[in-house]
Amino acid sequence: MSAPDELTAMAEEELASAIALTWPEIKAVTPWGDSFEGFAPSGRTVEVERRYLWAVEPAGAVVVEVEVRDAAARTGAEARAILAPPR
């Protein structure tokens, strides 16, 4: 797997975890973000950042963003989802 593909796969995997929270849990942590150092499957060190932000559209929705960066290689990848409140 190439370096950009590896970072994209990591971002998508982390996004899947980030949106696995229940709606009350997501609402409770919005707006919020964190970052941490992790390891890519290749073993290199990367920084992972997650953000939960209120969306402009649709009203009441939450934007969940994940970014995985390799600062040394100056590369990165992002994944994003918009979660609408349950009806």
PDB file of N, CA and C in Angstrom:
ATOM      1  N   MET A   1       0.851  -1.170   0.000  1.00  0.00           N
ATOM      2  CA  MET A   1       0.000   0.000   0.000  1.00  0.00           C
ATOM      3  C   MET A   1       0.897   1.234   0.000  1.00  0.00           C
ATOM      4  N   SER A   2       0.607   2.181  -0.863  1.00  0.00           N
ATOM      5  CA  SER A   2       1.421   3.392  -0.929  1.00  0.00           C
ATOM      6  C   SER A   2       1.138   4.281   0.271  1.00  0.00           C
ATOM      7  N   ALA A   3       2.024   5.225   0.517  1.00  0.00           N
ATOM      8  CA  ALA A   3       1.909   6.106   1.688  1.00  0.00           C
ATOM      9  C   ALA A   3       0.580   6.864   1.724  1.00  0.00           C
ATOM     10  N   PRO A   4       0.173   7.529   0.620  1.00  0.00           N
ATOM     11  CA  PRO A   4      -1.122   8.227   0.680  1.00  0.00           C
ATOM     12  C   PRO A   4      -2.297   7.276   0.902  1.00  0.00           C
ATOM     13  N   ASP A   5      -2.250   6.099   0.269  1.00  0.00           N
ATOM     14  CA  ASP A   5      -3.332   5.124   0.448  1.00  0.00           C
ATOM     15  C   ASP A   5      -3.402   4.645   1.890  1.00  0.00           C
ATOM     16  N   GLU A   6      -2.243   4.466   2.508  1.00  0.00           N
ATOM     17  CA  GLU A   6      -2.179   4.032   3.898  1.00  0.00           C
ATOM     18  C   GLU A   6      -2.818   5.085   4.810  1.00  0.00           C
ATOM     19  N   LEU A   7      -2.537   6.345   4.555  1.00  0.00           N
ATOM     20  CA  LEU A   7      -3.105   7.413   5.380  1.00  0.00           C
ATOM     21  C   LEU A   7      -4.605   7.545   5.147  1.00  0.00           C
ATOM     22  N   THR A   8      -5.044   7.378   3.909  1.00  0.00           N
ATOM     23  CA  THR A   8      -6.478   7.416   3.598  1.00  0.00           C
ATOM     24  C   THR A   8      -7.201   6.277   4.307  1.00  0.00           C
ATOM     25  N   ALA A   9      -6.639   5.087   4.268  1.00  0.00           N
ATOM     26  CA  ALA A   9      -7.249   3.938   4.941  1.00  0.00           C
ATOM     27  C   ALA A   9      -7.324   4.181   6.447  1.00  0.00           C
ATOM     28  N   MET A  10      -6.276   4.761   7.015  1.00  0.00           N
ATOM     29  CA  MET A  10      -6.296   5.065   8.455  1.00  0.00           C
ATOM     30  C   MET A  10      -7.362   6.096   8.785  1.00  0.00           C
ATOM     31  N   ALA A  11      -7.480   7.145   7.952  1.00  0.00           N
ATOM     32  CA  ALA A  11      -8.480   8.185   8.193  1.00  0.00           C
ATOM     33  C   ALA A  11      -9.885   7.602   8.124  1.00  0.00           C
ATOM     34  N   GLU A  12     -10.137   6.747   7.148  1.00  0.00           N
ATOM     35  CA  GLU A  12     -11.461   6.138   7.008  1.00  0.00           C
ATOM     36  C   GLU A  12     -11.771   5.200   8.177  1.00  0.00           C
ATOM     37  N   GLU A  13     -10.772   4.460   8.633  1.00  0.00           N
ATOM     38  CA  GLU A  13     -10.965   3.559   9.774  1.00  0.00           C
ATOM     39  C   GLU A  13     -11.249   4.359  11.054  1.00  0.00           C
ATOM     40  N   GLU A  14     -10.507   5.430  11.259  1.00  0.00           N
ATOM     41  CA  GLU A  14     -10.723   6.268  12.439  1.00  0.00           C
ATOM     42  C   GLU A  14     -12.081   6.964  12.369  1.00  0.00           C
ATOM     43  N   LEU A  15     -12.509   7.368  11.170  1.00  0.00           N
ATOM     44  CA  LEU A  15     -13.831   7.979  11.010  1.00  0.00           C
ATOM     45  C   LEU A  15     -14.920   6.977  11.382  1.00  0.00           C
ATOM     46  N   ALA A  16     -14.776   5.740  10.963  1.00  0.00           N
ATOM     47  CA  ALA A  16     -15.766   4.712  11.304  1.00  0.00           C
ATOM     48  C   ALA A  16     -15.890   4.581  12.822  1.00  0.00           C
ATOM     49  N   SER A  17     -14.781   4.656  13.531  1.00  0.00           N
ATOM     50  CA  SER A  17     -14.818   4.600  15.002  1.00  0.00           C
ATOM     51  C   SER A  17     -15.455   5.860  15.575  1.00  0.00           C
ATOM     52  N   ALA A  18     -15.127   7.005  14.991  1.00  0.00           N
ATOM     53  CA  ALA A  18     -15.631   8.282  15.499  1.00  0.00           C
ATOM     54  C   ALA A  18     -17.144   8.402  15.360  1.00  0.00           C
ATOM     55  N   ILE A  19     -17.706   7.824  14.308  1.00  0.00           N
ATOM     56  CA  ILE A  19     -19.157   7.940  14.107  1.00  0.00           C
ATOM     57  C   ILE A  19     -19.923   6.772  14.715  1.00  0.00           C
ATOM     58  N   ALA A  20     -19.228   5.855  15.353  1.00  0.00           N
ATOM     59  CA  ALA A  20     -19.882   4.705  15.989  1.00  0.00           C
ATOM     60  C   ALA A  20     -20.545   5.083  17.312  1.00  0.00           C
ATOM     61  N   LEU A  21     -20.305   6.290  17.791  1.00  0.00           N
ATOM     62  CA  LEU A  21     -20.955   6.750  19.025  1.00  0.00           C
ATOM     63  C   LEU A  21     -22.456   6.878  18.803  1.00  0.00           C
ATOM     64  N   THR A  22     -23.220   6.803  19.859  1.00  0.00           N
ATOM     65  CA  THR A  22     -24.661   7.036  19.755  1.00  0.00           C
ATOM     66  C   THR A  22     -24.896   8.535  19.572  1.00  0.00           C
ATOM     67  N   TRP A  23     -26.083   8.893  19.093  1.00  0.00           N
ATOM     68  CA  TRP A  23     -26.389  10.313  18.878  1.00  0.00           C
ATOM     69  C   TRP A  23     -26.245  11.118  20.180  1.00  0.00           C
ATOM     70  N   PRO A  24     -26.758  10.659  21.312  1.00  0.00           N
ATOM     71  CA  PRO A  24     -26.554  11.430  22.555  1.00  0.00           C
ATOM     72  C   PRO A  24     -25.073  11.609  22.896  1.00  0.00           C
ATOM     73  N   GLU A  25     -24.245  10.591  22.631  1.00  0.00           N
ATOM     74  CA  GLU A  25     -22.808  10.718  22.898  1.00  0.00           C
ATOM     75  C   GLU A  25     -22.162  11.730  21.961  1.00  0.00           C
ATOM     76  N   ILE A  26     -22.531  11.702  20.693  1.00  0.00           N
ATOM     77  CA  ILE A  26     -21.979  12.656  19.724  1.00  0.00           C
ATOM     78  C   ILE A  26     -22.392  14.074  20.089  1.00  0.00           C
ATOM     79  N   LYS A  27     -23.665  14.246  20.425  1.00  0.00           N
ATOM     80  CA  LYS A  27     -24.167  15.576  20.793  1.00  0.00           C
ATOM     81  C   LYS A  27     -23.442  16.116  22.028  1.00  0.00           C
ATOM     82  N   ALA A  28     -23.121  15.237  22.968  1.00  0.00           N
ATOM     83  CA  ALA A  28     -22.469  15.650  24.212  1.00  0.00           C
ATOM     84  C   ALA A  28     -21.032  16.122  23.995  1.00  0.00           C
ATOM     85  N   VAL A  29     -20.367  15.626  22.947  1.00  0.00           N
ATOM     86  CA  VAL A  29     -18.965  16.006  22.727  1.00  0.00           C
ATOM     87  C   VAL A  29     -18.793  17.075  21.648  1.00  0.00           C
ATOM     88  N   THR A  30     -19.900  17.567  21.089  1.00  0.00           N
ATOM     89  CA  THR A  30     -19.827  18.571  20.027  1.00  0.00           C
ATOM     90  C   THR A  30     -20.026  19.958  20.613  1.00  0.00           C
ATOM     91  N   PRO A  31     -19.227  20.945  20.314  1.00  0.00           N
ATOM     92  CA  PRO A  31     -18.011  20.901  19.507  1.00  0.00           C
ATOM     93  C   PRO A  31     -16.826  20.420  20.347  1.00  0.00           C
ATOM     94  N   TRP A  32     -15.983  19.641  19.707  1.00  0.00           N
ATOM     95  CA  TRP A  32     -14.829  19.080  20.407  1.00  0.00           C
ATOM     96  C   TRP A  32     -13.864  18.497  19.387  1.00  0.00           C
ATOM     97  N   GLY A  33     -12.630  18.388  19.767  1.00  0.00           N
ATOM     98  CA  GLY A  33     -11.625  17.762  18.917  1.00  0.00           C
ATOM     99  C   GLY A  33     -10.466  17.288  19.765  1.00  0.00           C
ATOM    100  N   ASP A  34      -9.723  16.368  19.232  1.00  0.00           N
ATOM    101  CA  ASP A  34      -8.510  15.925  19.912  1.00  0.00           C
ATOM    102  C   ASP A  34      -7.519  15.442  18.866  1.00  0.00           C
ATOM    103  N   SER A  35      -6.288  15.314  19.283  1.00  0.00           N
ATOM    104  CA  SER A  35      -5.277  14.749  18.402  1.00  0.00           C
ATOM    105  C   SER A  35      -4.364  13.864  19.229  1.00  0.00           C
ATOM    106  N   PHE A  36      -3.808  12.878  18.567  1.00  0.00           N
ATOM    107  CA  PHE A  36      -2.907  11.970  19.251  1.00  0.00           C
ATOM    108  C   PHE A  36      -1.917  11.395  18.250  1.00  0.00           C
ATOM    109  N   GLU A  37      -0.812  10.908  18.756  1.00  0.00           N
ATOM    110  CA  GLU A  37       0.201  10.288  17.923  1.00  0.00           C
ATOM    111  C   GLU A  37      -0.086   8.801  17.837  1.00  0.00           C
ATOM    112  N   GLY A  38       0.024   8.273  16.644  1.00  0.00           N
ATOM    113  CA  GLY A  38      -0.211   6.853  16.439  1.00  0.00           C
ATOM    114  C   GLY A  38       0.787   6.286  15.450  1.00  0.00           C
ATOM    115  N   PHE A  39       0.572   5.040  15.081  1.00  0.00           N
ATOM    116  CA  PHE A  39       1.462   4.369  14.143  1.00  0.00           C
ATOM    117  C   PHE A  39       0.667   3.858  12.955  1.00  0.00           C
ATOM    118  N   ALA A  40       1.163   4.138  11.783  1.00  0.00           N
ATOM    119  CA  ALA A  40       0.577   3.612  10.559  1.00  0.00           C
ATOM    120  C   ALA A  40       0.917   2.129  10.458  1.00  0.00           C
ATOM    121  N   PRO A  41       0.186   1.379   9.642  1.00  0.00           N
ATOM    122  CA  PRO A  41       0.510  -0.038   9.481  1.00  0.00           C
ATOM    123  C   PRO A  41       1.971  -0.284   9.072  1.00  0.00           C
ATOM    124  N   SER A  42       2.564   0.667   8.376  1.00  0.00           N
ATOM    125  CA  SER A  42       3.961   0.520   7.965  1.00  0.00           C
ATOM    126  C   SER A  42       4.926   0.750   9.119  1.00  0.00           C
ATOM    127  N   GLY A  43       4.414   1.245  10.243  1.00  0.00           N
ATOM    128  CA  GLY A  43       5.251   1.488  11.415  1.00  0.00           C
ATOM    129  C   GLY A  43       5.677   2.920  11.598  1.00  0.00           C
ATOM    130  N   ARG A  44       5.403   3.772  10.627  1.00  0.00           N
ATOM    131  CA  ARG A  44       5.802   5.176  10.785  1.00  0.00           C
ATOM    132  C   ARG A  44       4.864   5.897  11.738  1.00  0.00           C
ATOM    133  N   THR A  45       5.374   6.940  12.370  1.00  0.00           N
ATOM    134  CA  THR A  45       4.598   7.726  13.316  1.00  0.00           C
ATOM    135  C   THR A  45       3.745   8.742  12.555  1.00  0.00           C
ATOM    136  N   VAL A  46       2.473   8.838  12.930  1.00  0.00           N
ATOM    137  CA  VAL A  46       1.554   9.797  12.314  1.00  0.00           C
ATOM    138  C   VAL A  46       0.776  10.507  13.418  1.00  0.00           C
ATOM    139  N   GLU A  47       0.188  11.626  13.063  1.00  0.00           N
ATOM    140  CA  GLU A  47      -0.695  12.346  13.978  1.00  0.00           C
ATOM    141  C   GLU A  47      -2.127  12.177  13.480  1.00  0.00           C
ATOM    142  N   VAL A  48      -3.013  11.823  14.387  1.00  0.00           N
ATOM    143  CA  VAL A  48      -4.423  11.638  14.063  1.00  0.00           C
ATOM    144  C   VAL A  48      -5.206  12.727  14.782  1.00  0.00           C
ATOM    145  N   GLU A  49      -6.057  13.432  14.042  1.00  0.00           N
ATOM    146  CA  GLU A  49      -6.882  14.490  14.633  1.00  0.00           C
ATOM    147  C   GLU A  49      -8.339  14.205  14.308  1.00  0.00           C
ATOM    148  N   ARG A  50      -9.194  14.293  15.353  1.00  0.00           N
ATOM    149  CA  ARG A  50     -10.646  14.118  15.187  1.00  0.00           C
ATOM    150  C   ARG A  50     -11.338  15.410  15.588  1.00  0.00           C
ATOM    151  N   ARG A  51     -12.396  15.766  14.834  1.00  0.00           N
ATOM    152  CA  ARG A  51     -13.165  16.973  15.144  1.00  0.00           C
ATOM    153  C   ARG A  51     -14.657  16.667  15.027  1.00  0.00           C
ATOM    154  N   TYR A  52     -15.412  17.116  16.023  1.00  0.00           N
ATOM    155  CA  TYR A  52     -16.878  17.051  16.008  1.00  0.00           C
ATOM    156  C   TYR A  52     -17.357  18.501  16.010  1.00  0.00           C
ATOM    157  N   LEU A  53     -18.023  18.929  14.933  1.00  0.00           N
ATOM    158  CA  LEU A  53     -18.436  20.318  14.776  1.00  0.00           C
ATOM    159  C   LEU A  53     -19.905  20.380  14.372  1.00  0.00           C
ATOM    160  N   TRP A  54     -20.599  21.432  14.805  1.00  0.00           N
ATOM    161  CA  TRP A  54     -21.982  21.614  14.378  1.00  0.00           C
ATOM    162  C   TRP A  54     -21.986  21.980  12.900  1.00  0.00           C
ATOM    163  N   ALA A  55     -22.840  21.347  12.129  1.00  0.00           N
ATOM    164  CA  ALA A  55     -22.951  21.613  10.695  1.00  0.00           C
ATOM    165  C   ALA A  55     -23.870  22.799  10.453  1.00  0.00           C
ATOM    166  N   VAL A  56     -23.623  23.518   9.388  1.00  0.00           N
ATOM    167  CA  VAL A  56     -24.510  24.610   8.984  1.00  0.00           C
ATOM    168  C   VAL A  56     -25.772  24.015   8.351  1.00  0.00           C
ATOM    169  N   GLU A  57     -25.591  23.032   7.513  1.00  0.00           N
ATOM    170  CA  GLU A  57     -26.691  22.349   6.835  1.00  0.00           C
ATOM    171  C   GLU A  57     -26.488  20.847   6.963  1.00  0.00           C
ATOM    172  N   PRO A  58     -27.446  20.064   7.225  1.00  0.00           N
ATOM    173  CA  PRO A  58     -28.778  20.432   7.691  1.00  0.00           C
ATOM    174  C   PRO A  58     -28.724  20.885   9.148  1.00  0.00           C
ATOM    175  N   ALA A  59     -29.677  21.679   9.519  1.00  0.00           N
ATOM    176  CA  ALA A  59     -29.723  22.229  10.882  1.00  0.00           C
ATOM    177  C   ALA A  59     -29.707  21.110  11.912  1.00  0.00           C
ATOM    178  N   GLY A  60     -28.867  21.276  12.931  1.00  0.00           N
ATOM    179  CA  GLY A  60     -28.790  20.299  14.008  1.00  0.00           C
ATOM    180  C   GLY A  60     -27.857  19.129  13.747  1.00  0.00           C
ATOM    181  N   ALA A  61     -27.283  19.072  12.543  1.00  0.00           N
ATOM    182  CA  ALA A  61     -26.387  17.964  12.191  1.00  0.00           C
ATOM    183  C   ALA A  61     -24.983  18.219  12.748  1.00  0.00           C
ATOM    184  N   VAL A  62     -24.190  17.174  12.763  1.00  0.00           N
ATOM    185  CA  VAL A  62     -22.805  17.253  13.242  1.00  0.00           C
ATOM    186  C   VAL A  62     -21.880  16.792  12.114  1.00  0.00           C
ATOM    187  N   VAL A  63     -20.822  17.558  11.896  1.00  0.00           N
ATOM    188  CA  VAL A  63     -19.777  17.174  10.947  1.00  0.00           C
ATOM    189  C   VAL A  63     -18.678  16.488  11.752  1.00  0.00           C
ATOM    190  N   VAL A  64     -18.307  15.291  11.344  1.00  0.00           N
ATOM    191  CA  VAL A  64     -17.208  14.568  11.983  1.00  0.00           C
ATOM    192  C   VAL A  64     -16.074  14.501  10.959  1.00  0.00           C
ATOM    193  N   GLU A  65     -14.920  15.038  11.352  1.00  0.00           N
ATOM    194  CA  GLU A  65     -13.761  15.067  10.456  1.00  0.00           C
ATOM    195  C   GLU A  65     -12.592  14.351  11.113  1.00  0.00           C
ATOM    196  N   VAL A  66     -11.861  13.613  10.311  1.00  0.00           N
ATOM    197  CA  VAL A  66     -10.650  12.936  10.782  1.00  0.00           C
ATOM    198  C   VAL A  66      -9.537  13.263   9.800  1.00  0.00           C
ATOM    199  N   GLU A  67      -8.391  13.624  10.347  1.00  0.00           N
ATOM    200  CA  GLU A  67      -7.219  13.894   9.520  1.00  0.00           C
ATOM    201  C   GLU A  67      -6.049  13.068  10.055  1.00  0.00           C
ATOM    202  N   VAL A  68      -5.336  12.419   9.161  1.00  0.00           N
ATOM    203  CA  VAL A  68      -4.136  11.655   9.519  1.00  0.00           C
ATOM    204  C   VAL A  68      -2.977  12.300   8.769  1.00  0.00           C
ATOM    205  N   ARG A  69      -1.952  12.716   9.529  1.00  0.00           N
ATOM    206  CA  ARG A  69      -0.824  13.430   8.927  1.00  0.00           C
ATOM    207  C   ARG A  69       0.504  12.765   9.251  1.00  0.00           C
ATOM    208  N   ASP A  70       1.365  12.754   8.265  1.00  0.00           N
ATOM    209  CA  ASP A  70       2.759  12.368   8.454  1.00  0.00           C
ATOM    210  C   ASP A  70       3.554  13.655   8.261  1.00  0.00           C
ATOM    211  N   ALA A  71       3.887  14.315   9.359  1.00  0.00           N
ATOM    212  CA  ALA A  71       4.563  15.612   9.291  1.00  0.00           C
ATOM    213  C   ALA A  71       5.924  15.503   8.619  1.00  0.00           C
ATOM    214  N   ALA A  72       6.637  14.425   8.865  1.00  0.00           N
ATOM    215  CA  ALA A  72       7.973  14.263   8.284  1.00  0.00           C
ATOM    216  C   ALA A  72       7.906  14.181   6.757  1.00  0.00           C
ATOM    217  N   ALA A  73       6.914  13.506   6.241  1.00  0.00           N
ATOM    218  CA  ALA A  73       6.774  13.347   4.796  1.00  0.00           C
ATOM    219  C   ALA A  73       5.909  14.440   4.169  1.00  0.00           C
ATOM    220  N   ARG A  74       5.341  15.289   5.013  1.00  0.00           N
ATOM    221  CA  ARG A  74       4.435  16.361   4.560  1.00  0.00           C
ATOM    222  C   ARG A  74       3.292  15.814   3.707  1.00  0.00           C
ATOM    223  N   THR A  75       2.689  14.741   4.202  1.00  0.00           N
ATOM    224  CA  THR A  75       1.542  14.144   3.528  1.00  0.00           C
ATOM    225  C   THR A  75       0.425  13.956   4.539  1.00  0.00           C
ATOM    226  N   GLY A  76      -0.775  13.778   4.039  1.00  0.00           N
ATOM    227  CA  GLY A  76      -1.896  13.549   4.930  1.00  0.00           C
ATOM    228  C   GLY A  76      -3.126  13.135   4.152  1.00  0.00           C
ATOM    229  N   ALA A  77      -4.148  12.760   4.895  1.00  0.00           N
ATOM    230  CA  ALA A  77      -5.416  12.360   4.294  1.00  0.00           C
ATOM    231  C   ALA A  77      -6.539  12.731   5.256  1.00  0.00           C
ATOM    232  N   GLU A  78      -7.709  12.995   4.702  1.00  0.00           N
ATOM    233  CA  GLU A  78      -8.870  13.352   5.516  1.00  0.00           C
ATOM    234  C   GLU A  78     -10.057  12.490   5.141  1.00  0.00           C
ATOM    235  N   ALA A  79     -10.924  12.305   6.121  1.00  0.00           N
ATOM    236  CA  ALA A  79     -12.208  11.636   5.905  1.00  0.00           C
ATOM    237  C   ALA A  79     -13.249  12.442   6.673  1.00  0.00           C
ATOM    238  N   ARG A  80     -14.475  12.485   6.157  1.00  0.00           N
ATOM    239  CA  ARG A  80     -15.500  13.367   6.729  1.00  0.00           C
ATOM    240  C   ARG A  80     -16.870  12.736   6.575  1.00  0.00           C
ATOM    241  N   ALA A  81     -17.716  12.968   7.571  1.00  0.00           N
ATOM    242  CA  ALA A  81     -19.102  12.505   7.516  1.00  0.00           C
ATOM    243  C   ALA A  81     -19.993  13.564   8.145  1.00  0.00           C
ATOM    244  N   ILE A  82     -21.200  13.687   7.634  1.00  0.00           N
ATOM    245  CA  ILE A  82     -22.208  14.571   8.217  1.00  0.00           C
ATOM    246  C   ILE A  82     -23.299  13.674   8.781  1.00  0.00           C
ATOM    247  N   LEU A  83     -23.533  13.827  10.090  1.00  0.00           N
ATOM    248  CA  LEU A  83     -24.528  13.007  10.768  1.00  0.00           C
ATOM    249  C   LEU A  83     -25.744  13.860  11.114  1.00  0.00           C
ATOM    250  N   ALA A  84     -26.880  13.500  10.558  1.00  0.00           N
ATOM    251  CA  ALA A  84     -28.116  14.205  10.847  1.00  0.00           C
ATOM    252  C   ALA A  84     -28.720  13.662  12.144  1.00  0.00           C
ATOM    253  N   PRO A  85     -29.382  14.532  12.899  1.00  0.00           N
ATOM    254  CA  PRO A  85     -30.002  14.046  14.136  1.00  0.00           C
ATOM    255  C   PRO A  85     -31.118  13.048  13.819  1.00  0.00           C
ATOM    256  N   PRO A  86     -31.326  12.095  14.713  1.00  0.00           N
ATOM    257  CA  PRO A  86     -32.421  11.138  14.471  1.00  0.00           C
ATOM    258  C   PRO A  86     -33.773  11.848  14.493  1.00  0.00           C
ATOM    259  N   ARG A  87     -34.707  11.308  13.755  1.00  0.00           N
ATOM    260  CA  ARG A  87     -36.046  11.925  13.695  1.00  0.00           C
ATOM    261  C   ARG A  87     -37.004  11.184  14.568  1.00  0.00           C
TER     262      ARG A  87
END
